[in-house]
Amino acid sequence: MPEEPRRRSGLFVVDLDGAVIGQVTLTKDTGHLRQAAGRAELGYLFLPQAWGRGYAAEACEAVLGRFAGALPGEPLVLATQTADVRSLRLAAKLGFTEVERFEEWGAEQWTGVWKGTWA
């Protein structure tokens, strides 16, 4: 977690046996999400060969734990396309609750909010 989490982005590189397989980010929403203006946003990107193996869940859980420790009770948003079924499942597993669906970039988008604490 950045020293000043409200001011700086967080980039967490995920590696497996020394090879980068993905990343998790914490950024301040720039206003592109109506329900998220000014809030911290969780993002993730993993190589296809890492999909379906639990690496994204494990990495996101670790980042959520650090976020909750640094900013207890602070909501966190996540956005994905509704067509990305794996990402929606991950959001649900992590405890994100849907707050909005909208059309943008030629596809239906999904926004969720995480308000919990992480054990």
PDB file of N, CA and C in Angstrom:
ATOM      1  N   MET A   1       0.851  -1.174   0.000  1.00  0.00           N
ATOM      2  CA  MET A   1       0.000   0.000   0.000  1.00  0.00           C
ATOM      3  C   MET A   1       0.895   1.234   0.000  1.00  0.00           C
ATOM      4  N   PRO A   2       0.609   2.215  -0.839  1.00  0.00           N
ATOM      5  CA  PRO A   2       1.423   3.429  -0.844  1.00  0.00           C
ATOM      6  C   PRO A   2       1.413   4.101   0.526  1.00  0.00           C
ATOM      7  N   GLU A   3       2.465   4.860   0.833  1.00  0.00           N
ATOM      8  CA  GLU A   3       2.536   5.546   2.117  1.00  0.00           C
ATOM      9  C   GLU A   3       1.367   6.496   2.313  1.00  0.00           C
ATOM     10  N   GLU A   4       0.947   7.156   1.265  1.00  0.00           N
ATOM     11  CA  GLU A   4      -0.187   8.069   1.316  1.00  0.00           C
ATOM     12  C   GLU A   4      -1.244   7.535   0.356  1.00  0.00           C
ATOM     13  N   PRO A   5      -2.036   6.560   0.766  1.00  0.00           N
ATOM     14  CA  PRO A   5      -2.927   5.868  -0.155  1.00  0.00           C
ATOM     15  C   PRO A   5      -3.960   6.752  -0.827  1.00  0.00           C
ATOM     16  N   ARG A   6      -4.295   7.876  -0.241  1.00  0.00           N
ATOM     17  CA  ARG A   6      -5.278   8.747  -0.882  1.00  0.00           C
ATOM     18  C   ARG A   6      -4.644   9.583  -1.988  1.00  0.00           C
ATOM     19  N   ARG A   7      -3.329   9.623  -2.047  1.00  0.00           N
ATOM     20  CA  ARG A   7      -2.656  10.475  -3.018  1.00  0.00           C
ATOM     21  C   ARG A   7      -1.949   9.706  -4.124  1.00  0.00           C
ATOM     22  N   ARG A   8      -1.552   8.504  -3.847  1.00  0.00           N
ATOM     23  CA  ARG A   8      -0.747   7.764  -4.811  1.00  0.00           C
ATOM     24  C   ARG A   8      -1.437   6.471  -5.212  1.00  0.00           C
ATOM     25  N   SER A   9      -1.111   6.060  -6.399  1.00  0.00           N
ATOM     26  CA  SER A   9      -1.607   4.769  -6.872  1.00  0.00           C
ATOM     27  C   SER A   9      -0.771   3.652  -6.276  1.00  0.00           C
ATOM     28  N   GLY A  10      -1.350   2.477  -6.223  1.00  0.00           N
ATOM     29  CA  GLY A  10      -0.618   1.300  -5.790  1.00  0.00           C
ATOM     30  C   GLY A  10      -0.563   0.307  -6.934  1.00  0.00           C
ATOM     31  N   LEU A  11       0.605  -0.206  -7.223  1.00  0.00           N
ATOM     32  CA  LEU A  11       0.778  -1.211  -8.263  1.00  0.00           C
ATOM     33  C   LEU A  11       1.452  -2.408  -7.620  1.00  0.00           C
ATOM     34  N   PHE A  12       0.796  -3.546  -7.704  1.00  0.00           N
ATOM     35  CA  PHE A  12       1.293  -4.775  -7.106  1.00  0.00           C
ATOM     36  C   PHE A  12       1.510  -5.789  -8.221  1.00  0.00           C
ATOM     37  N   VAL A  13       2.745  -6.179  -8.431  1.00  0.00           N
ATOM     38  CA  VAL A  13       3.083  -7.142  -9.472  1.00  0.00           C
ATOM     39  C   VAL A  13       2.970  -8.540  -8.880  1.00  0.00           C
ATOM     40  N   VAL A  14       2.342  -9.430  -9.623  1.00  0.00           N
ATOM     41  CA  VAL A  14       2.138 -10.804  -9.170  1.00  0.00           C
ATOM     42  C   VAL A  14       3.063 -11.709  -9.976  1.00  0.00           C
ATOM     43  N   ASP A  15       3.900 -12.465  -9.263  1.00  0.00           N
ATOM     44  CA  ASP A  15       4.796 -13.369  -9.977  1.00  0.00           C
ATOM     45  C   ASP A  15       4.601 -14.799  -9.484  1.00  0.00           C
ATOM     46  N   LEU A  16       4.948 -15.713 -10.348  1.00  0.00           N
ATOM     47  CA  LEU A  16       4.897 -17.138 -10.041  1.00  0.00           C
ATOM     48  C   LEU A  16       6.240 -17.726 -10.449  1.00  0.00           C
ATOM     49  N   ASP A  17       6.971 -18.204  -9.484  1.00  0.00           N
ATOM     50  CA  ASP A  17       8.296 -18.778  -9.739  1.00  0.00           C
ATOM     51  C   ASP A  17       9.196 -17.814 -10.513  1.00  0.00           C
ATOM     52  N   GLY A  18       9.106 -16.519 -10.178  1.00  0.00           N
ATOM     53  CA  GLY A  18       9.963 -15.517 -10.795  1.00  0.00           C
ATOM     54  C   GLY A  18       9.456 -14.926 -12.095  1.00  0.00           C
ATOM     55  N   ALA A  19       8.340 -15.418 -12.620  1.00  0.00           N
ATOM     56  CA  ALA A  19       7.774 -14.887 -13.860  1.00  0.00           C
ATOM     57  C   ALA A  19       6.519 -14.072 -13.540  1.00  0.00           C
ATOM     58  N   VAL A  20       6.423 -12.881 -14.121  1.00  0.00           N
ATOM     59  CA  VAL A  20       5.252 -12.029 -13.907  1.00  0.00           C
ATOM     60  C   VAL A  20       4.041 -12.664 -14.579  1.00  0.00           C
ATOM     61  N   ILE A  21       2.953 -12.812 -13.803  1.00  0.00           N
ATOM     62  CA  ILE A  21       1.715 -13.387 -14.353  1.00  0.00           C
ATOM     63  C   ILE A  21       0.549 -12.410 -14.284  1.00  0.00           C
ATOM     64  N   GLY A  22       0.744 -11.274 -13.606  1.00  0.00           N
ATOM     65  CA  GLY A  22      -0.343 -10.311 -13.524  1.00  0.00           C
ATOM     66  C   GLY A  22      -0.010  -9.138 -12.640  1.00  0.00           C
ATOM     67  N   GLN A  23      -1.021  -8.285 -12.470  1.00  0.00           N
ATOM     68  CA  GLN A  23      -0.872  -7.124 -11.603  1.00  0.00           C
ATOM     69  C   GLN A  23      -2.206  -6.767 -10.975  1.00  0.00           C
ATOM     70  N   VAL A  24      -2.133  -6.147  -9.812  1.00  0.00           N
ATOM     71  CA  VAL A  24      -3.304  -5.610  -9.131  1.00  0.00           C
ATOM     72  C   VAL A  24      -2.995  -4.144  -8.879  1.00  0.00           C
ATOM     73  N   THR A  25      -3.972  -3.271  -9.109  1.00  0.00           N
ATOM     74  CA  THR A  25      -3.757  -1.843  -8.922  1.00  0.00           C
ATOM     75  C   THR A  25      -4.783  -1.245  -7.969  1.00  0.00           C
ATOM     76  N   LEU A  26      -4.358  -0.231  -7.257  1.00  0.00           N
ATOM     77  CA  LEU A  26      -5.240   0.625  -6.475  1.00  0.00           C
ATOM     78  C   LEU A  26      -5.010   2.037  -6.979  1.00  0.00           C
ATOM     79  N   THR A  27      -6.048   2.653  -7.504  1.00  0.00           N
ATOM     80  CA  THR A  27      -5.943   4.010  -8.015  1.00  0.00           C
ATOM     81  C   THR A  27      -7.117   4.832  -7.511  1.00  0.00           C
ATOM     82  N   LYS A  28      -6.991   6.126  -7.595  1.00  0.00           N
ATOM     83  CA  LYS A  28      -8.116   6.995  -7.271  1.00  0.00           C
ATOM     84  C   LYS A  28      -8.943   7.135  -8.533  1.00  0.00           C
ATOM     85  N   ASP A  29     -10.246   6.886  -8.419  1.00  0.00           N
ATOM     86  CA  ASP A  29     -11.112   6.991  -9.587  1.00  0.00           C
ATOM     87  C   ASP A  29     -11.070   8.415 -10.118  1.00  0.00           C
ATOM     88  N   THR A  30     -10.974   8.526 -11.423  1.00  0.00           N
ATOM     89  CA  THR A  30     -10.870   9.835 -12.067  1.00  0.00           C
ATOM     90  C   THR A  30     -12.218  10.439 -12.403  1.00  0.00           C
ATOM     91  N   GLY A  31     -13.291   9.778 -12.034  1.00  0.00           N
ATOM     92  CA  GLY A  31     -14.621  10.293 -12.337  1.00  0.00           C
ATOM     93  C   GLY A  31     -15.290   9.575 -13.490  1.00  0.00           C
ATOM     94  N   HIS A  32     -14.622   8.579 -14.082  1.00  0.00           N
ATOM     95  CA  HIS A  32     -15.239   7.859 -15.193  1.00  0.00           C
ATOM     96  C   HIS A  32     -16.367   6.939 -14.732  1.00  0.00           C
ATOM     97  N   LEU A  33     -16.423   6.650 -13.438  1.00  0.00           N
ATOM     98  CA  LEU A  33     -17.503   5.836 -12.879  1.00  0.00           C
ATOM     99  C   LEU A  33     -18.380   6.736 -12.015  1.00  0.00           C
ATOM    100  N   ARG A  34     -19.637   6.849 -12.367  1.00  0.00           N
ATOM    101  CA  ARG A  34     -20.523   7.765 -11.633  1.00  0.00           C
ATOM    102  C   ARG A  34     -20.587   7.454 -10.148  1.00  0.00           C
ATOM    103  N   GLN A  35     -20.689   6.184  -9.785  1.00  0.00           N
ATOM    104  CA  GLN A  35     -20.828   5.799  -8.382  1.00  0.00           C
ATOM    105  C   GLN A  35     -19.500   5.837  -7.623  1.00  0.00           C
ATOM    106  N   ALA A  36     -18.417   6.114  -8.336  1.00  0.00           N
ATOM    107  CA  ALA A  36     -17.103   5.955  -7.724  1.00  0.00           C
ATOM    108  C   ALA A  36     -16.313   7.244  -7.580  1.00  0.00           C
ATOM    109  N   ALA A  37     -16.858   8.345  -7.987  1.00  0.00           N
ATOM    110  CA  ALA A  37     -16.102   9.595  -8.054  1.00  0.00           C
ATOM    111  C   ALA A  37     -15.269   9.840  -6.803  1.00  0.00           C
ATOM    112  N   GLY A  38     -13.970   9.923  -7.008  1.00  0.00           N
ATOM    113  CA  GLY A  38     -13.054  10.229  -5.925  1.00  0.00           C
ATOM    114  C   GLY A  38     -12.684   9.066  -5.027  1.00  0.00           C
ATOM    115  N   ARG A  39     -13.282   7.920  -5.224  1.00  0.00           N
ATOM    116  CA  ARG A  39     -12.989   6.754  -4.380  1.00  0.00           C
ATOM    117  C   ARG A  39     -11.799   5.975  -4.937  1.00  0.00           C
ATOM    118  N   ALA A  40     -11.276   5.109  -4.111  1.00  0.00           N
ATOM    119  CA  ALA A  40     -10.213   4.217  -4.564  1.00  0.00           C
ATOM    120  C   ALA A  40     -10.837   3.119  -5.426  1.00  0.00           C
ATOM    121  N   GLU A  41     -10.111   2.718  -6.453  1.00  0.00           N
ATOM    122  CA  GLU A  41     -10.607   1.697  -7.379  1.00  0.00           C
ATOM    123  C   GLU A  41      -9.603   0.551  -7.470  1.00  0.00           C
ATOM    124  N   LEU A  42     -10.104  -0.672  -7.372  1.00  0.00           N
ATOM    125  CA  LEU A  42      -9.288  -1.872  -7.520  1.00  0.00           C
ATOM    126  C   LEU A  42      -9.320  -2.305  -8.978  1.00  0.00           C
ATOM    127  N   GLY A  43      -8.164  -2.635  -9.504  1.00  0.00           N
ATOM    128  CA  GLY A  43      -8.074  -3.159 -10.859  1.00  0.00           C
ATOM    129  C   GLY A  43      -7.148  -4.364 -10.877  1.00  0.00           C
ATOM    130  N   TYR A  44      -7.308  -5.221 -11.869  1.00  0.00           N
ATOM    131  CA  TYR A  44      -6.425  -6.379 -11.984  1.00  0.00           C
ATOM    132  C   TYR A  44      -6.338  -6.801 -13.432  1.00  0.00           C
ATOM    133  N   LEU A  45      -5.203  -7.386 -13.769  1.00  0.00           N
ATOM    134  CA  LEU A  45      -4.947  -7.857 -15.120  1.00  0.00           C
ATOM    135  C   LEU A  45      -3.991  -9.040 -15.004  1.00  0.00           C
ATOM    136  N   PHE A  46      -4.408 -10.181 -15.548  1.00  0.00           N
ATOM    137  CA  PHE A  46      -3.593 -11.391 -15.466  1.00  0.00           C
ATOM    138  C   PHE A  46      -3.445 -12.017 -16.844  1.00  0.00           C
ATOM    139  N   LEU A  47      -2.322 -12.661 -17.067  1.00  0.00           N
ATOM    140  CA  LEU A  47      -2.097 -13.372 -18.322  1.00  0.00           C
ATOM    141  C   LEU A  47      -3.078 -14.537 -18.433  1.00  0.00           C
ATOM    142  N   PRO A  48      -3.519 -14.861 -19.650  1.00  0.00           N
ATOM    143  CA  PRO A  48      -4.489 -15.950 -19.819  1.00  0.00           C
ATOM    144  C   PRO A  48      -4.051 -17.273 -19.193  1.00  0.00           C
ATOM    145  N   GLN A  49      -2.757 -17.575 -19.210  1.00  0.00           N
ATOM    146  CA  GLN A  49      -2.311 -18.843 -18.634  1.00  0.00           C
ATOM    147  C   GLN A  49      -2.469 -18.882 -17.111  1.00  0.00           C
ATOM    148  N   ALA A  50      -2.736 -17.727 -16.488  1.00  0.00           N
ATOM    149  CA  ALA A  50      -2.945 -17.675 -15.034  1.00  0.00           C
ATOM    150  C   ALA A  50      -4.429 -17.714 -14.667  1.00  0.00           C
ATOM    151  N   TRP A  51      -5.306 -17.633 -15.661  1.00  0.00           N
ATOM    152  CA  TRP A  51      -6.746 -17.603 -15.395  1.00  0.00           C
ATOM    153  C   TRP A  51      -7.218 -18.934 -14.811  1.00  0.00           C
ATOM    154  N   GLY A  52      -8.185 -18.856 -13.915  1.00  0.00           N
ATOM    155  CA  GLY A  52      -8.833 -20.050 -13.378  1.00  0.00           C
ATOM    156  C   GLY A  52      -8.008 -20.839 -12.374  1.00  0.00           C
ATOM    157  N   ARG A  53      -6.930 -20.284 -11.883  1.00  0.00           N
ATOM    158  CA  ARG A  53      -6.051 -21.003 -10.954  1.00  0.00           C
ATOM    159  C   ARG A  53      -6.029 -20.389  -9.552  1.00  0.00           C
ATOM    160  N   GLY A  54      -6.835 -19.329  -9.348  1.00  0.00           N
ATOM    161  CA  GLY A  54      -6.918 -18.710  -8.028  1.00  0.00           C
ATOM    162  C   GLY A  54      -5.881 -17.638  -7.745  1.00  0.00           C
ATOM    163  N   TYR A  55      -4.995 -17.363  -8.710  1.00  0.00           N
ATOM    164  CA  TYR A  55      -3.949 -16.372  -8.471  1.00  0.00           C
ATOM    165  C   TYR A  55      -4.526 -14.970  -8.310  1.00  0.00           C
ATOM    166  N   ALA A  56      -5.498 -14.617  -9.130  1.00  0.00           N
ATOM    167  CA  ALA A  56      -6.109 -13.285  -9.036  1.00  0.00           C
ATOM    168  C   ALA A  56      -6.801 -13.112  -7.690  1.00  0.00           C
ATOM    169  N   ALA A  57      -7.538 -14.122  -7.259  1.00  0.00           N
ATOM    170  CA  ALA A  57      -8.226 -14.039  -5.963  1.00  0.00           C
ATOM    171  C   ALA A  57      -7.215 -13.877  -4.836  1.00  0.00           C
ATOM    172  N   GLU A  58      -6.164 -14.669  -4.860  1.00  0.00           N
ATOM    173  CA  GLU A  58      -5.148 -14.596  -3.804  1.00  0.00           C
ATOM    174  C   GLU A  58      -4.485 -13.220  -3.768  1.00  0.00           C
ATOM    175  N   ALA A  59      -4.130 -12.704  -4.938  1.00  0.00           N
ATOM    176  CA  ALA A  59      -3.468 -11.401  -4.996  1.00  0.00           C
ATOM    177  C   ALA A  59      -4.414 -10.278  -4.567  1.00  0.00           C
ATOM    178  N   CYS A  60      -5.660 -10.317  -5.044  1.00  0.00           N
ATOM    179  CA  CYS A  60      -6.626  -9.280  -4.676  1.00  0.00           C
ATOM    180  C   CYS A  60      -6.944  -9.325  -3.183  1.00  0.00           C
ATOM    181  N   GLU A  61      -7.049 -10.514  -2.620  1.00  0.00           N
ATOM    182  CA  GLU A  61      -7.298 -10.647  -1.179  1.00  0.00           C
ATOM    183  C   GLU A  61      -6.168 -10.004  -0.380  1.00  0.00           C
ATOM    184  N   ALA A  62      -4.936 -10.192  -0.820  1.00  0.00           N
ATOM    185  CA  ALA A  62      -3.793  -9.583  -0.129  1.00  0.00           C
ATOM    186  C   ALA A  62      -3.857  -8.061  -0.215  1.00  0.00           C
ATOM    187  N   VAL A  63      -4.195  -7.541  -1.379  1.00  0.00           N
ATOM    188  CA  VAL A  63      -4.300  -6.086  -1.554  1.00  0.00           C
ATOM    189  C   VAL A  63      -5.456  -5.530  -0.730  1.00  0.00           C
ATOM    190  N   LEU A  64      -6.589  -6.230  -0.709  1.00  0.00           N
ATOM    191  CA  LEU A  64      -7.725  -5.781   0.105  1.00  0.00           C
ATOM    192  C   LEU A  64      -7.349  -5.728   1.582  1.00  0.00           C
ATOM    193  N   GLY A  65      -6.588  -6.696   2.035  1.00  0.00           N
ATOM    194  CA  GLY A  65      -6.143  -6.699   3.422  1.00  0.00           C
ATOM    195  C   GLY A  65      -5.293  -5.487   3.749  1.00  0.00           C
ATOM    196  N   ARG A  66      -4.390  -5.148   2.855  1.00  0.00           N
ATOM    197  CA  ARG A  66      -3.546  -3.958   3.066  1.00  0.00           C
ATOM    198  C   ARG A  66      -4.372  -2.691   3.000  1.00  0.00           C
ATOM    199  N   PHE A  67      -5.311  -2.644   2.061  1.00  0.00           N
ATOM    200  CA  PHE A  67      -6.179  -1.467   1.922  1.00  0.00           C
ATOM    201  C   PHE A  67      -7.005  -1.268   3.186  1.00  0.00           C
ATOM    202  N   ALA A  68      -7.621  -2.343   3.676  1.00  0.00           N
ATOM    203  CA  ALA A  68      -8.457  -2.260   4.880  1.00  0.00           C
ATOM    204  C   ALA A  68      -7.632  -1.842   6.091  1.00  0.00           C
ATOM    205  N   GLY A  69      -6.386  -2.282   6.161  1.00  0.00           N
ATOM    206  CA  GLY A  69      -5.525  -1.886   7.265  1.00  0.00           C
ATOM    207  C   GLY A  69      -5.124  -0.423   7.202  1.00  0.00           C
ATOM    208  N   ALA A  70      -4.913   0.086   5.984  1.00  0.00           N
ATOM    209  CA  ALA A  70      -4.489   1.477   5.811  1.00  0.00           C
ATOM    210  C   ALA A  70      -5.654   2.454   5.898  1.00  0.00           C
ATOM    211  N   LEU A  71      -6.812   2.045   5.381  1.00  0.00           N
ATOM    212  CA  LEU A  71      -7.987   2.923   5.334  1.00  0.00           C
ATOM    213  C   LEU A  71      -9.219   2.167   5.813  1.00  0.00           C
ATOM    214  N   PRO A  72      -9.306   1.843   7.089  1.00  0.00           N
ATOM    215  CA  PRO A  72     -10.435   1.055   7.595  1.00  0.00           C
ATOM    216  C   PRO A  72     -11.772   1.734   7.308  1.00  0.00           C
ATOM    217  N   GLY A  73     -12.704   0.943   6.789  1.00  0.00           N
ATOM    218  CA  GLY A  73     -14.048   1.443   6.514  1.00  0.00           C
ATOM    219  C   GLY A  73     -14.186   2.233   5.228  1.00  0.00           C
ATOM    220  N   GLU A  74     -13.088   2.494   4.547  1.00  0.00           N
ATOM    221  CA  GLU A  74     -13.126   3.252   3.296  1.00  0.00           C
ATOM    222  C   GLU A  74     -13.665   2.352   2.182  1.00  0.00           C
ATOM    223  N   PRO A  75     -14.681   2.813   1.430  1.00  0.00           N
ATOM    224  CA  PRO A  75     -15.196   1.981   0.342  1.00  0.00           C
ATOM    225  C   PRO A  75     -14.202   1.911  -0.818  1.00  0.00           C
ATOM    226  N   LEU A  76     -14.272   0.833  -1.539  1.00  0.00           N
ATOM    227  CA  LEU A  76     -13.403   0.591  -2.684  1.00  0.00           C
ATOM    228  C   LEU A  76     -14.289   0.151  -3.837  1.00  0.00           C
ATOM    229  N   VAL A  77     -14.033   0.648  -5.038  1.00  0.00           N
ATOM    230  CA  VAL A  77     -14.865   0.283  -6.182  1.00  0.00           C
ATOM    231  C   VAL A  77     -14.095  -0.598  -7.153  1.00  0.00           C
ATOM    232  N   LEU A  78     -14.848  -1.313  -7.958  1.00  0.00           N
ATOM    233  CA  LEU A  78     -14.303  -2.178  -8.989  1.00  0.00           C
ATOM    234  C   LEU A  78     -15.239  -2.078 -10.182  1.00  0.00           C
ATOM    235  N   ALA A  79     -14.684  -2.004 -11.372  1.00  0.00           N
ATOM    236  CA  ALA A  79     -15.504  -1.947 -12.581  1.00  0.00           C
ATOM    237  C   ALA A  79     -15.032  -3.009 -13.559  1.00  0.00           C
ATOM    238  N   THR A  80     -15.990  -3.630 -14.230  1.00  0.00           N
ATOM    239  CA  THR A  80     -15.678  -4.616 -15.255  1.00  0.00           C
ATOM    240  C   THR A  80     -16.841  -4.664 -16.234  1.00  0.00           C
ATOM    241  N   GLN A  81     -16.674  -5.359 -17.319  1.00  0.00           N
ATOM    242  CA  GLN A  81     -17.777  -5.550 -18.257  1.00  0.00           C
ATOM    243  C   GLN A  81     -18.591  -6.765 -17.830  1.00  0.00           C
ATOM    244  N   THR A  82     -19.894  -6.682 -18.035  1.00  0.00           N
ATOM    245  CA  THR A  82     -20.751  -7.799 -17.637  1.00  0.00           C
ATOM    246  C   THR A  82     -20.446  -9.058 -18.442  1.00  0.00           C
ATOM    247  N   ALA A  83     -19.876  -8.902 -19.614  1.00  0.00           N
ATOM    248  CA  ALA A  83     -19.517 -10.069 -20.426  1.00  0.00           C
ATOM    249  C   ALA A  83     -18.323 -10.833 -19.842  1.00  0.00           C
ATOM    250  N   ASP A  84     -17.576 -10.206 -18.959  1.00  0.00           N
ATOM    251  CA  ASP A  84     -16.412 -10.850 -18.345  1.00  0.00           C
ATOM    252  C   ASP A  84     -16.872 -11.634 -17.113  1.00  0.00           C
ATOM    253  N   VAL A  85     -17.384 -12.815 -17.358  1.00  0.00           N
ATOM    254  CA  VAL A  85     -17.987 -13.640 -16.310  1.00  0.00           C
ATOM    255  C   VAL A  85     -16.976 -13.984 -15.215  1.00  0.00           C
ATOM    256  N   ARG A  86     -15.742 -14.284 -15.586  1.00  0.00           N
ATOM    257  CA  ARG A  86     -14.724 -14.615 -14.578  1.00  0.00           C
ATOM    258  C   ARG A  86     -14.479 -13.434 -13.636  1.00  0.00           C
ATOM    259  N   SER A  87     -14.424 -12.241 -14.200  1.00  0.00           N
ATOM    260  CA  SER A  87     -14.199 -11.056 -13.378  1.00  0.00           C
ATOM    261  C   SER A  87     -15.378 -10.796 -12.445  1.00  0.00           C
ATOM    262  N   LEU A  88     -16.592 -11.008 -12.927  1.00  0.00           N
ATOM    263  CA  LEU A  88     -17.774 -10.852 -12.072  1.00  0.00           C
ATOM    264  C   LEU A  88     -17.761 -11.866 -10.928  1.00  0.00           C
ATOM    265  N   ARG A  89     -17.345 -13.095 -11.226  1.00  0.00           N
ATOM    266  CA  ARG A  89     -17.247 -14.113 -10.165  1.00  0.00           C
ATOM    267  C   ARG A  89     -16.192 -13.734  -9.132  1.00  0.00           C
ATOM    268  N   LEU A  90     -15.071 -13.206  -9.608  1.00  0.00           N
ATOM    269  CA  LEU A  90     -14.022 -12.773  -8.690  1.00  0.00           C
ATOM    270  C   LEU A  90     -14.529 -11.626  -7.817  1.00  0.00           C
ATOM    271  N   ALA A  91     -15.218 -10.669  -8.407  1.00  0.00           N
ATOM    272  CA  ALA A  91     -15.767  -9.540  -7.640  1.00  0.00           C
ATOM    273  C   ALA A  91     -16.698 -10.039  -6.540  1.00  0.00           C
ATOM    274  N   ALA A  92     -17.551 -10.992  -6.870  1.00  0.00           N
ATOM    275  CA  ALA A  92     -18.476 -11.552  -5.870  1.00  0.00           C
ATOM    276  C   ALA A  92     -17.705 -12.281  -4.776  1.00  0.00           C
ATOM    277  N   LYS A  93     -16.706 -13.064  -5.166  1.00  0.00           N
ATOM    278  CA  LYS A  93     -15.903 -13.809  -4.191  1.00  0.00           C
ATOM    279  C   LYS A  93     -15.184 -12.862  -3.231  1.00  0.00           C
ATOM    280  N   LEU A  94     -14.756 -11.712  -3.741  1.00  0.00           N
ATOM    281  CA  LEU A  94     -14.043 -10.734  -2.926  1.00  0.00           C
ATOM    282  C   LEU A  94     -14.973  -9.907  -2.042  1.00  0.00           C
ATOM    283  N   GLY A  95     -16.281  -9.990  -2.293  1.00  0.00           N
ATOM    284  CA  GLY A  95     -17.241  -9.263  -1.461  1.00  0.00           C
ATOM    285  C   GLY A  95     -17.731  -7.950  -2.031  1.00  0.00           C
ATOM    286  N   PHE A  96     -17.545  -7.730  -3.326  1.00  0.00           N
ATOM    287  CA  PHE A  96     -18.058  -6.513  -3.957  1.00  0.00           C
ATOM    288  C   PHE A  96     -19.557  -6.664  -4.213  1.00  0.00           C
ATOM    289  N   THR A  97     -20.299  -5.586  -3.997  1.00  0.00           N
ATOM    290  CA  THR A  97     -21.743  -5.559  -4.203  1.00  0.00           C
ATOM    291  C   THR A  97     -22.056  -4.649  -5.379  1.00  0.00           C
ATOM    292  N   GLU A  98     -22.879  -5.127  -6.291  1.00  0.00           N
ATOM    293  CA  GLU A  98     -23.241  -4.331  -7.464  1.00  0.00           C
ATOM    294  C   GLU A  98     -23.968  -3.055  -7.058  1.00  0.00           C
ATOM    295  N   VAL A  99     -23.539  -1.936  -7.663  1.00  0.00           N
ATOM    296  CA  VAL A  99     -24.222  -0.663  -7.439  1.00  0.00           C
ATOM    297  C   VAL A  99     -24.721  -0.034  -8.731  1.00  0.00           C
ATOM    298  N   GLU A 100     -24.182  -0.483  -9.862  1.00  0.00           N
ATOM    299  CA  GLU A 100     -24.595   0.154 -11.110  1.00  0.00           C
ATOM    300  C   GLU A 100     -24.195  -0.692 -12.317  1.00  0.00           C
ATOM    301  N   ARG A 101     -25.062  -0.631 -13.324  1.00  0.00           N
ATOM    302  CA  ARG A 101     -24.746  -1.136 -14.660  1.00  0.00           C
ATOM    303  C   ARG A 101     -25.039  -0.009 -15.634  1.00  0.00           C
ATOM    304  N   PHE A 102     -24.185   0.127 -16.629  1.00  0.00           N
ATOM    305  CA  PHE A 102     -24.388   1.188 -17.610  1.00  0.00           C
ATOM    306  C   PHE A 102     -23.696   0.801 -18.913  1.00  0.00           C
ATOM    307  N   GLU A 103     -24.078   1.456 -19.967  1.00  0.00           N
ATOM    308  CA  GLU A 103     -23.531   1.194 -21.290  1.00  0.00           C
ATOM    309  C   GLU A 103     -22.409   2.195 -21.570  1.00  0.00           C
ATOM    310  N   GLU A 104     -21.235   1.682 -21.929  1.00  0.00           N
ATOM    311  CA  GLU A 104     -20.111   2.539 -22.281  1.00  0.00           C
ATOM    312  C   GLU A 104     -19.102   1.710 -23.061  1.00  0.00           C
ATOM    313  N   TRP A 105     -18.373   2.355 -23.951  1.00  0.00           N
ATOM    314  CA  TRP A 105     -17.379   1.698 -24.793  1.00  0.00           C
ATOM    315  C   TRP A 105     -17.980   0.525 -25.576  1.00  0.00           C
ATOM    316  N   GLY A 106     -19.255   0.644 -25.936  1.00  0.00           N
ATOM    317  CA  GLY A 106     -19.910  -0.370 -26.744  1.00  0.00           C
ATOM    318  C   GLY A 106     -20.279  -1.644 -26.010  1.00  0.00           C
ATOM    319  N   ALA A 107     -20.272  -1.605 -24.676  1.00  0.00           N
ATOM    320  CA  ALA A 107     -20.595  -2.808 -23.900  1.00  0.00           C
ATOM    321  C   ALA A 107     -21.209  -2.411 -22.557  1.00  0.00           C
ATOM    322  N   GLU A 108     -21.929  -3.368 -21.956  1.00  0.00           N
ATOM    323  CA  GLU A 108     -22.495  -3.116 -20.638  1.00  0.00           C
ATOM    324  C   GLU A 108     -21.389  -3.222 -19.585  1.00  0.00           C
ATOM    325  N   GLN A 109     -21.306  -2.210 -18.734  1.00  0.00           N
ATOM    326  CA  GLN A 109     -20.308  -2.140 -17.670  1.00  0.00           C
ATOM    327  C   GLN A 109     -20.972  -2.444 -16.333  1.00  0.00           C
ATOM    328  N   TRP A 110     -20.190  -2.917 -15.395  1.00  0.00           N
ATOM    329  CA  TRP A 110     -20.661  -3.258 -14.049  1.00  0.00           C
ATOM    330  C   TRP A 110     -19.768  -2.554 -13.046  1.00  0.00           C
ATOM    331  N   THR A 111     -20.372  -1.934 -12.041  1.00  0.00           N
ATOM    332  CA  THR A 111     -19.612  -1.305 -10.960  1.00  0.00           C
ATOM    333  C   THR A 111     -20.039  -1.924  -9.645  1.00  0.00           C
ATOM    334  N   GLY A 112     -19.066  -2.287  -8.829  1.00  0.00           N
ATOM    335  CA  GLY A 112     -19.332  -2.835  -7.505  1.00  0.00           C
ATOM    336  C   GLY A 112     -18.578  -2.058  -6.444  1.00  0.00           C
ATOM    337  N   VAL A 113     -19.075  -2.119  -5.219  1.00  0.00           N
ATOM    338  CA  VAL A 113     -18.432  -1.447  -4.091  1.00  0.00           C
ATOM    339  C   VAL A 113     -18.118  -2.471  -3.016  1.00  0.00           C
ATOM    340  N   TRP A 114     -16.944  -2.343  -2.437  1.00  0.00           N
ATOM    341  CA  TRP A 114     -16.503  -3.177  -1.316  1.00  0.00           C
ATOM    342  C   TRP A 114     -16.430  -2.281  -0.099  1.00  0.00           C
ATOM    343  N   LYS A 115     -17.177  -2.633   0.927  1.00  0.00           N
ATOM    344  CA  LYS A 115     -17.218  -1.810   2.139  1.00  0.00           C
ATOM    345  C   LYS A 115     -16.729  -2.574   3.350  1.00  0.00           C
ATOM    346  N   GLY A 116     -16.249  -3.750   3.114  1.00  0.00           N
ATOM    347  CA  GLY A 116     -15.933  -4.631   4.233  1.00  0.00           C
ATOM    348  C   GLY A 116     -14.559  -4.440   4.813  1.00  0.00           C
ATOM    349  N   THR A 117     -14.311  -5.264   5.773  1.00  0.00           N
ATOM    350  CA  THR A 117     -12.975  -5.376   6.331  1.00  0.00           C
ATOM    351  C   THR A 117     -12.472  -6.752   5.935  1.00  0.00           C
ATOM    352  N   TRP A 118     -11.214  -6.887   5.888  1.00  0.00           N
ATOM    353  CA  TRP A 118     -10.648  -8.165   5.451  1.00  0.00           C
ATOM    354  C   TRP A 118      -9.981  -8.845   6.625  1.00  0.00           C
ATOM    355  N   ALA A 119     -10.279 -10.122   6.790  1.00  0.00           N
ATOM    356  CA  ALA A 119      -9.694 -10.873   7.910  1.00  0.00           C
ATOM    357  C   ALA A 119      -8.272 -11.278   7.597  1.00  0.00           C
TER     358      ALA A 119
END
